[in-house]
Amino acid sequence: MQHNFEHDVSQLEKNILPENWEWISCSKQAKMARYNGSPTCYFKEFIPKSRLEVIKSKFRGTRCEVWARQAKIGMEAGFEVPAILATGILKNKHHYLITAAGPSGAVSNFLVRKPENDEENRQEWIKAFGQYIGQMHKAGIVHGDLRAGNILMEPSQPPRFVMIDIERNSHHSIVPISLVKKNLVQLIKRISFKDFTAKDRLLFFKHYNCVYQRFDKKEQKELAFEIINLVKKQNLWGGSKNV
């Protein structure tokens, strides 16, 4: 039986934590909390960045409405997103969303080198993740903030991936090359070569291209060098020794 969230939402809006809830750190454009009862789920209040966002939302929808729309697009394309348990508008006119929890760990927890990560499994997960991002772009889906932490993962064989923070996603018949580059930069920035080696990156890129099938060998090489240069230019490597 699903928990009745009506009272909880009224408390969370007042910055009061109901029983079994805890605050979750997030950006200034949101307020988040986790319910640790049954089922485990997440509350997210979407806080407009500016008055301009409020005006724009009247034409293209609020970030909450975009989240629901992009979730539908993703699911229809075969991708998993957290199920929506409740949604609505608070007294302050901010929209909120309550979603089911996905896997407890992010992709980054399992794809980097750690003593607890079995190397053989890790290599298979890197391949699968490259294929997953390739499938995403092939379906015309661009994640608005494709940090590895925004894809949850269940470390099974094959792994299960769940995309979160999708309110800035976009959908295209063909993904603009600028957005391909943007997503690939987002994935590798601030990840050190100690944790994710050059060999790991090449393995990911190989399996990404095997599925996406958009670029020939020459174009793949050019794309890889451009991604590297963009990351260097933005000084986004995971450490100063990596530039």
C-alpha atoms as a PDB file:
ATOM      1  CA  MET A   1       0.000   0.000   0.000  1.00  0.00           C
ATOM      2  CA  GLN A   2       1.424   3.376  -1.046  1.00  0.00           C
ATOM      3  CA  HIS A   3       2.191   5.913   1.663  1.00  0.00           C
ATOM      4  CA  ASN A   4      -0.095   8.989   1.761  1.00  0.00           C
ATOM      5  CA  PHE A   5       2.259  11.927   1.130  1.00  0.00           C
ATOM      6  CA  GLU A   6      -0.229  14.799   1.556  1.00  0.00           C
ATOM      7  CA  HIS A   7       0.702  15.595   5.176  1.00  0.00           C
ATOM      8  CA  ASP A   8       4.419  15.044   4.513  1.00  0.00           C
ATOM      9  CA  VAL A   9       4.398  17.497   1.611  1.00  0.00           C
ATOM     10  CA  SER A  10       2.708  20.191   3.718  1.00  0.00           C
ATOM     11  CA  GLN A  11       5.467  19.783   6.325  1.00  0.00           C
ATOM     12  CA  LEU A  12       8.334  19.668   3.838  1.00  0.00           C
ATOM     13  CA  GLU A  13       7.090  22.887   2.269  1.00  0.00           C
ATOM     14  CA  LYS A  14       7.538  24.535   5.687  1.00  0.00           C
ATOM     15  CA  ASN A  15      11.075  23.083   5.972  1.00  0.00           C
ATOM     16  CA  ILE A  16       9.887  20.633   8.632  1.00  0.00           C
ATOM     17  CA  LEU A  17      11.060  17.035   8.362  1.00  0.00           C
ATOM     18  CA  PRO A  18       8.237  14.531   8.907  1.00  0.00           C
ATOM     19  CA  GLU A  19       9.002  11.142  10.452  1.00  0.00           C
ATOM     20  CA  ASN A  20      11.322   8.930   8.356  1.00  0.00           C
ATOM     21  CA  TRP A  21      12.420  11.824   6.106  1.00  0.00           C
ATOM     22  CA  GLU A  22      15.878  13.375   5.729  1.00  0.00           C
ATOM     23  CA  TRP A  23      17.165  16.320   3.719  1.00  0.00           C
ATOM     24  CA  ILE A  24      19.326  15.631   0.654  1.00  0.00           C
ATOM     25  CA  SER A  25      21.929  18.080  -0.625  1.00  0.00           C
ATOM     26  CA  CYS A  26      21.174  19.519  -4.059  1.00  0.00           C
ATOM     27  CA  SER A  27      21.479  22.689  -6.139  1.00  0.00           C
ATOM     28  CA  LYS A  28      19.953  26.029  -5.129  1.00  0.00           C
ATOM     29  CA  GLN A  29      17.282  25.503  -7.788  1.00  0.00           C
ATOM     30  CA  ALA A  30      15.679  22.672  -5.825  1.00  0.00           C
ATOM     31  CA  LYS A  31      14.889  21.318  -2.383  1.00  0.00           C
ATOM     32  CA  MET A  32      15.147  17.576  -1.866  1.00  0.00           C
ATOM     33  CA  ALA A  33      14.377  15.037   0.825  1.00  0.00           C
ATOM     34  CA  ARG A  34      14.393  11.250   1.042  1.00  0.00           C
ATOM     35  CA  TYR A  35      11.693   9.125   2.643  1.00  0.00           C
ATOM     36  CA  ASN A  36      13.288   6.116   4.340  1.00  0.00           C
ATOM     37  CA  GLY A  37      10.052   4.273   4.955  1.00  0.00           C
ATOM     38  CA  SER A  38       8.304   1.935   2.523  1.00  0.00           C
ATOM     39  CA  PRO A  39       8.603   2.562  -0.323  1.00  0.00           C
ATOM     40  CA  THR A  40      11.845   4.559  -0.258  1.00  0.00           C
ATOM     41  CA  CYS A  41      11.297   7.651  -2.383  1.00  0.00           C
ATOM     42  CA  TYR A  42      12.424  11.212  -3.047  1.00  0.00           C
ATOM     43  CA  PHE A  43      10.681  14.578  -2.761  1.00  0.00           C
ATOM     44  CA  LYS A  44      11.892  17.360  -5.056  1.00  0.00           C
ATOM     45  CA  GLU A  45      10.654  20.944  -5.012  1.00  0.00           C
ATOM     46  CA  PHE A  46      11.606  22.859  -8.142  1.00  0.00           C
ATOM     47  CA  ILE A  47      12.679  26.402  -7.249  1.00  0.00           C
ATOM     48  CA  PRO A  48      12.651  28.824 -10.219  1.00  0.00           C
ATOM     49  CA  LYS A  49      16.049  30.369 -10.945  1.00  0.00           C
ATOM     50  CA  SER A  50      14.518  33.732 -11.806  1.00  0.00           C
ATOM     51  CA  ARG A  51      11.354  35.557 -12.766  1.00  0.00           C
ATOM     52  CA  LEU A  52      12.290  34.886 -16.400  1.00  0.00           C
ATOM     53  CA  GLU A  53      12.060  31.135 -15.797  1.00  0.00           C
ATOM     54  CA  VAL A  54       8.540  31.592 -14.421  1.00  0.00           C
ATOM     55  CA  ILE A  55       7.532  33.471 -17.580  1.00  0.00           C
ATOM     56  CA  LYS A  56       9.147  30.889 -19.879  1.00  0.00           C
ATOM     57  CA  SER A  57       7.445  28.053 -18.007  1.00  0.00           C
ATOM     58  CA  LYS A  58       4.056  29.355 -19.138  1.00  0.00           C
ATOM     59  CA  PHE A  59       5.028  28.468 -22.710  1.00  0.00           C
ATOM     60  CA  ARG A  60       7.224  25.362 -22.385  1.00  0.00           C
ATOM     61  CA  GLY A  61       6.151  24.054 -18.986  1.00  0.00           C
ATOM     62  CA  THR A  62       7.817  24.089 -15.577  1.00  0.00           C
ATOM     63  CA  ARG A  63      10.916  21.998 -14.879  1.00  0.00           C
ATOM     64  CA  CYS A  64       8.636  19.552 -13.085  1.00  0.00           C
ATOM     65  CA  GLU A  65       6.414  19.245 -16.152  1.00  0.00           C
ATOM     66  CA  VAL A  66       9.470  18.881 -18.394  1.00  0.00           C
ATOM     67  CA  TRP A  67      10.734  16.116 -16.063  1.00  0.00           C
ATOM     68  CA  ALA A  68       7.468  14.190 -16.520  1.00  0.00           C
ATOM     69  CA  ARG A  69       7.516  14.763 -20.277  1.00  0.00           C
ATOM     70  CA  GLN A  70      11.121  13.620 -20.642  1.00  0.00           C
ATOM     71  CA  ALA A  71      10.419  10.605 -18.428  1.00  0.00           C
ATOM     72  CA  LYS A  72       7.693   9.526 -20.859  1.00  0.00           C
ATOM     73  CA  ILE A  73      10.043   9.980 -23.836  1.00  0.00           C
ATOM     74  CA  GLY A  74      12.767   7.993 -22.094  1.00  0.00           C
ATOM     75  CA  MET A  75      10.471   5.134 -21.093  1.00  0.00           C
ATOM     76  CA  GLU A  76       8.963   4.902 -24.573  1.00  0.00           C
ATOM     77  CA  ALA A  77      12.522   4.564 -25.919  1.00  0.00           C
ATOM     78  CA  GLY A  78      13.237   1.722 -23.465  1.00  0.00           C
ATOM     79  CA  PHE A  79      15.112   3.618 -20.747  1.00  0.00           C
ATOM     80  CA  GLU A  80      14.322   3.379 -17.061  1.00  0.00           C
ATOM     81  CA  VAL A  81      13.537   6.444 -14.959  1.00  0.00           C
ATOM     82  CA  PRO A  82      12.169   6.588 -11.397  1.00  0.00           C
ATOM     83  CA  ALA A  83       8.391   6.116 -11.273  1.00  0.00           C
ATOM     84  CA  ILE A  84       6.333   9.185 -10.348  1.00  0.00           C
ATOM     85  CA  LEU A  85       4.423   8.582  -7.093  1.00  0.00           C
ATOM     86  CA  ALA A  86       2.962  12.054  -6.600  1.00  0.00           C
ATOM     87  CA  THR A  87       3.161  15.512  -8.115  1.00  0.00           C
ATOM     88  CA  GLY A  88       1.511  18.849  -7.492  1.00  0.00           C
ATOM     89  CA  ILE A  89       1.823  22.555  -6.726  1.00  0.00           C
ATOM     90  CA  LEU A  90       2.788  23.943  -3.317  1.00  0.00           C
ATOM     91  CA  LYS A  91       1.271  27.015  -1.658  1.00  0.00           C
ATOM     92  CA  ASN A  92       4.295  29.033  -2.824  1.00  0.00           C
ATOM     93  CA  LYS A  93       3.364  28.001  -6.405  1.00  0.00           C
ATOM     94  CA  HIS A  94       6.482  25.857  -6.802  1.00  0.00           C
ATOM     95  CA  HIS A  95       5.904  22.470  -8.403  1.00  0.00           C
ATOM     96  CA  TYR A  96       6.991  19.295  -6.619  1.00  0.00           C
ATOM     97  CA  LEU A  97       7.562  15.700  -7.554  1.00  0.00           C
ATOM     98  CA  ILE A  98       7.822  12.519  -5.504  1.00  0.00           C
ATOM     99  CA  THR A  99       9.527   9.632  -7.264  1.00  0.00           C
ATOM    100  CA  ALA A 100      10.362   6.067  -6.397  1.00  0.00           C
ATOM    101  CA  ALA A 101      13.967   5.299  -5.512  1.00  0.00           C
ATOM    102  CA  GLY A 102      16.181   3.600  -8.058  1.00  0.00           C
ATOM    103  CA  PRO A 103      19.400   1.670  -7.397  1.00  0.00           C
ATOM    104  CA  SER A 104      21.280   3.017  -4.377  1.00  0.00           C
ATOM    105  CA  GLY A 105      24.589   3.667  -6.140  1.00  0.00           C
ATOM    106  CA  ALA A 106      25.650   5.938  -8.992  1.00  0.00           C
ATOM    107  CA  VAL A 107      27.545   4.694 -12.042  1.00  0.00           C
ATOM    108  CA  SER A 108      30.648   6.499 -10.787  1.00  0.00           C
ATOM    109  CA  ASN A 109      30.728   4.269  -7.689  1.00  0.00           C
ATOM    110  CA  PHE A 110      31.218   1.148  -9.773  1.00  0.00           C
ATOM    111  CA  LEU A 111      33.149   2.268 -12.857  1.00  0.00           C
ATOM    112  CA  VAL A 112      36.152   3.810 -11.106  1.00  0.00           C
ATOM    113  CA  ARG A 113      39.079   1.831  -9.757  1.00  0.00           C
ATOM    114  CA  LYS A 114      38.495   0.861  -6.125  1.00  0.00           C
ATOM    115  CA  PRO A 115      39.762  -2.068  -4.063  1.00  0.00           C
ATOM    116  CA  GLU A 116      36.169  -3.244  -3.596  1.00  0.00           C
ATOM    117  CA  ASN A 117      35.386  -3.161  -7.341  1.00  0.00           C
ATOM    118  CA  ASP A 118      36.209  -6.445  -9.067  1.00  0.00           C
ATOM    119  CA  GLU A 119      38.299  -5.530 -12.118  1.00  0.00           C
ATOM    120  CA  GLU A 120      36.694  -8.049 -14.476  1.00  0.00           C
ATOM    121  CA  ASN A 121      33.204  -6.850 -13.564  1.00  0.00           C
ATOM    122  CA  ARG A 122      34.304  -3.212 -13.789  1.00  0.00           C
ATOM    123  CA  GLN A 123      35.491  -3.681 -17.359  1.00  0.00           C
ATOM    124  CA  GLU A 124      32.166  -5.260 -18.339  1.00  0.00           C
ATOM    125  CA  TRP A 125      30.275  -2.406 -16.682  1.00  0.00           C
ATOM    126  CA  ILE A 126      32.338   0.179 -18.592  1.00  0.00           C
ATOM    127  CA  LYS A 127      31.415  -1.567 -21.859  1.00  0.00           C
ATOM    128  CA  ALA A 128      27.743  -1.669 -20.872  1.00  0.00           C
ATOM    129  CA  PHE A 129      27.748   2.000 -19.869  1.00  0.00           C
ATOM    130  CA  GLY A 130      29.306   3.011 -23.190  1.00  0.00           C
ATOM    131  CA  GLN A 131      26.576   1.046 -24.965  1.00  0.00           C
ATOM    132  CA  TYR A 132      23.916   2.675 -22.770  1.00  0.00           C
ATOM    133  CA  ILE A 133      25.022   6.222 -23.644  1.00  0.00           C
ATOM    134  CA  GLY A 134      25.280   5.181 -27.309  1.00  0.00           C
ATOM    135  CA  GLN A 135      21.690   3.894 -27.174  1.00  0.00           C
ATOM    136  CA  MET A 136      20.572   7.109 -25.495  1.00  0.00           C
ATOM    137  CA  HIS A 137      22.049   9.301 -28.233  1.00  0.00           C
ATOM    138  CA  LYS A 138      20.805   6.934 -30.947  1.00  0.00           C
ATOM    139  CA  ALA A 139      17.293   7.420 -29.531  1.00  0.00           C
ATOM    140  CA  GLY A 140      17.807  11.197 -29.788  1.00  0.00           C
ATOM    141  CA  ILE A 141      17.929  11.715 -26.012  1.00  0.00           C
ATOM    142  CA  VAL A 142      20.367  14.233 -24.545  1.00  0.00           C
ATOM    143  CA  HIS A 143      20.745  14.339 -20.774  1.00  0.00           C
ATOM    144  CA  GLY A 144      20.841  17.933 -19.566  1.00  0.00           C
ATOM    145  CA  ASP A 145      23.487  17.200 -16.925  1.00  0.00           C
ATOM    146  CA  LEU A 146      25.204  13.931 -17.795  1.00  0.00           C
ATOM    147  CA  ARG A 147      27.476  13.574 -14.814  1.00  0.00           C
ATOM    148  CA  ALA A 148      28.126   9.947 -13.956  1.00  0.00           C
ATOM    149  CA  GLY A 149      26.350  10.637 -10.661  1.00  0.00           C
ATOM    150  CA  ASN A 150      23.108  11.325 -12.533  1.00  0.00           C
ATOM    151  CA  ILE A 151      22.887   7.761 -13.805  1.00  0.00           C
ATOM    152  CA  LEU A 152      22.123   5.229 -11.079  1.00  0.00           C
ATOM    153  CA  MET A 153      23.358   1.669 -11.456  1.00  0.00           C
ATOM    154  CA  GLU A 154      22.609  -1.737 -10.049  1.00  0.00           C
ATOM    155  CA  PRO A 155      25.872  -3.731 -10.258  1.00  0.00           C
ATOM    156  CA  SER A 156      24.394  -6.841 -11.844  1.00  0.00           C
ATOM    157  CA  GLN A 157      25.372  -8.661 -15.012  1.00  0.00           C
ATOM    158  CA  PRO A 158      24.153  -7.040 -17.172  1.00  0.00           C
ATOM    159  CA  PRO A 159      23.947  -3.847 -15.082  1.00  0.00           C
ATOM    160  CA  ARG A 160      20.716  -1.913 -14.663  1.00  0.00           C
ATOM    161  CA  PHE A 161      20.898   1.830 -15.376  1.00  0.00           C
ATOM    162  CA  VAL A 162      18.369   4.468 -14.245  1.00  0.00           C
ATOM    163  CA  MET A 163      18.655   8.123 -15.301  1.00  0.00           C
ATOM    164  CA  ILE A 164      17.759  10.851 -12.806  1.00  0.00           C
ATOM    165  CA  ASP A 165      17.718  14.695 -12.799  1.00  0.00           C
ATOM    166  CA  ILE A 166      16.119  14.677 -16.239  1.00  0.00           C
ATOM    167  CA  GLU A 167      14.327  18.041 -16.129  1.00  0.00           C
ATOM    168  CA  ARG A 168      16.912  19.533 -18.519  1.00  0.00           C
ATOM    169  CA  ASN A 169      16.832  16.626 -20.967  1.00  0.00           C
ATOM    170  CA  SER A 170      16.009  17.239 -24.615  1.00  0.00           C
ATOM    171  CA  HIS A 171      14.873  15.022 -27.463  1.00  0.00           C
ATOM    172  CA  HIS A 172      15.974  15.282 -31.094  1.00  0.00           C
ATOM    173  CA  SER A 173      15.517  13.392 -34.356  1.00  0.00           C
ATOM    174  CA  ILE A 174      19.323  13.634 -34.677  1.00  0.00           C
ATOM    175  CA  VAL A 175      21.355  14.852 -31.701  1.00  0.00           C
ATOM    176  CA  PRO A 176      23.236  18.069 -32.593  1.00  0.00           C
ATOM    177  CA  ILE A 177      26.977  17.408 -32.577  1.00  0.00           C
ATOM    178  CA  SER A 178      27.442  20.218 -30.038  1.00  0.00           C
ATOM    179  CA  LEU A 179      25.238  18.291 -27.573  1.00  0.00           C
ATOM    180  CA  VAL A 180      27.071  15.027 -28.251  1.00  0.00           C
ATOM    181  CA  LYS A 181      30.288  16.807 -27.275  1.00  0.00           C
ATOM    182  CA  LYS A 182      28.638  18.449 -24.272  1.00  0.00           C
ATOM    183  CA  ASN A 183      27.421  15.110 -22.888  1.00  0.00           C
ATOM    184  CA  LEU A 184      30.795  13.425 -23.398  1.00  0.00           C
ATOM    185  CA  VAL A 185      32.587  16.319 -21.684  1.00  0.00           C
ATOM    186  CA  GLN A 186      30.116  16.177 -18.790  1.00  0.00           C
ATOM    187  CA  LEU A 187      30.855  12.481 -18.313  1.00  0.00           C
ATOM    188  CA  ILE A 188      34.627  12.708 -18.035  1.00  0.00           C
ATOM    189  CA  LYS A 189      35.205  16.057 -16.378  1.00  0.00           C
ATOM    190  CA  ARG A 190      36.768  16.013 -12.928  1.00  0.00           C
ATOM    191  CA  ILE A 191      37.415  12.252 -13.061  1.00  0.00           C
ATOM    192  CA  SER A 192      41.114  11.601 -12.540  1.00  0.00           C
ATOM    193  CA  PHE A 193      43.138   9.170 -14.637  1.00  0.00           C
ATOM    194  CA  LYS A 194      44.060   7.387 -11.415  1.00  0.00           C
ATOM    195  CA  ASP A 195      40.398   6.442 -10.923  1.00  0.00           C
ATOM    196  CA  PHE A 196      39.448   6.021 -14.584  1.00  0.00           C
ATOM    197  CA  THR A 197      42.410   5.363 -16.848  1.00  0.00           C
ATOM    198  CA  ALA A 198      42.995   6.283 -20.489  1.00  0.00           C
ATOM    199  CA  LYS A 199      42.381   2.603 -21.290  1.00  0.00           C
ATOM    200  CA  ASP A 200      39.029   2.768 -19.466  1.00  0.00           C
ATOM    201  CA  ARG A 201      38.044   5.863 -21.445  1.00  0.00           C
ATOM    202  CA  LEU A 202      38.949   4.247 -24.753  1.00  0.00           C
ATOM    203  CA  LEU A 203      36.919   1.148 -23.815  1.00  0.00           C
ATOM    204  CA  PHE A 204      33.887   3.316 -23.017  1.00  0.00           C
ATOM    205  CA  PHE A 205      34.297   5.315 -26.243  1.00  0.00           C
ATOM    206  CA  LYS A 206      34.687   2.182 -28.367  1.00  0.00           C
ATOM    207  CA  HIS A 207      31.447   0.640 -27.102  1.00  0.00           C
ATOM    208  CA  TYR A 208      29.639   3.986 -27.264  1.00  0.00           C
ATOM    209  CA  ASN A 209      30.481   4.197 -30.964  1.00  0.00           C
ATOM    210  CA  CYS A 210      29.683   0.529 -31.618  1.00  0.00           C
ATOM    211  CA  VAL A 211      26.086   1.236 -30.620  1.00  0.00           C
ATOM    212  CA  TYR A 212      25.671   4.843 -31.784  1.00  0.00           C
ATOM    213  CA  GLN A 213      27.143   4.054 -35.226  1.00  0.00           C
ATOM    214  CA  ARG A 214      27.144   7.702 -36.277  1.00  0.00           C
ATOM    215  CA  PHE A 215      30.849   8.347 -36.784  1.00  0.00           C
ATOM    216  CA  ASP A 216      33.402   6.598 -38.975  1.00  0.00           C
ATOM    217  CA  LYS A 217      36.886   5.828 -37.646  1.00  0.00           C
ATOM    218  CA  LYS A 218      38.335   9.179 -38.721  1.00  0.00           C
ATOM    219  CA  GLU A 219      35.408  11.095 -37.191  1.00  0.00           C
ATOM    220  CA  GLN A 220      35.677   9.097 -33.959  1.00  0.00           C
ATOM    221  CA  LYS A 221      39.344  10.055 -33.642  1.00  0.00           C
ATOM    222  CA  GLU A 222      38.572  13.725 -34.341  1.00  0.00           C
ATOM    223  CA  LEU A 223      35.730  13.664 -31.813  1.00  0.00           C
ATOM    224  CA  ALA A 224      37.946  12.098 -29.132  1.00  0.00           C
ATOM    225  CA  PHE A 225      40.649  14.755 -29.586  1.00  0.00           C
ATOM    226  CA  GLU A 226      38.088  17.542 -29.534  1.00  0.00           C
ATOM    227  CA  ILE A 227      36.566  16.233 -26.275  1.00  0.00           C
ATOM    228  CA  ILE A 228      40.043  16.052 -24.712  1.00  0.00           C
ATOM    229  CA  ASN A 229      40.840  19.609 -25.810  1.00  0.00           C
ATOM    230  CA  LEU A 230      37.509  20.930 -24.519  1.00  0.00           C
ATOM    231  CA  VAL A 231      38.114  19.368 -21.117  1.00  0.00           C
ATOM    232  CA  LYS A 232      41.661  20.753 -21.003  1.00  0.00           C
ATOM    233  CA  LYS A 233      40.459  24.203 -22.043  1.00  0.00           C
ATOM    234  CA  GLN A 234      37.876  24.240 -19.253  1.00  0.00           C
ATOM    235  CA  ASN A 235      40.473  22.908 -16.791  1.00  0.00           C
ATOM    236  CA  LEU A 236      38.098  20.117 -15.786  1.00  0.00           C
ATOM    237  CA  TRP A 237      40.443  17.161 -15.400  1.00  0.00           C
ATOM    238  CA  GLY A 238      40.367  15.358 -12.089  1.00  0.00           C
ATOM    239  CA  GLY A 239      43.751  16.707 -11.081  1.00  0.00           C
ATOM    240  CA  SER A 240      46.460  19.112 -12.203  1.00  0.00           C
ATOM    241  CA  LYS A 241      48.790  16.306 -13.300  1.00  0.00           C
ATOM    242  CA  ASN A 242      46.247  15.107 -15.849  1.00  0.00           C
ATOM    243  CA  VAL A 243      46.561  18.087 -18.220  1.00  0.00           C
END
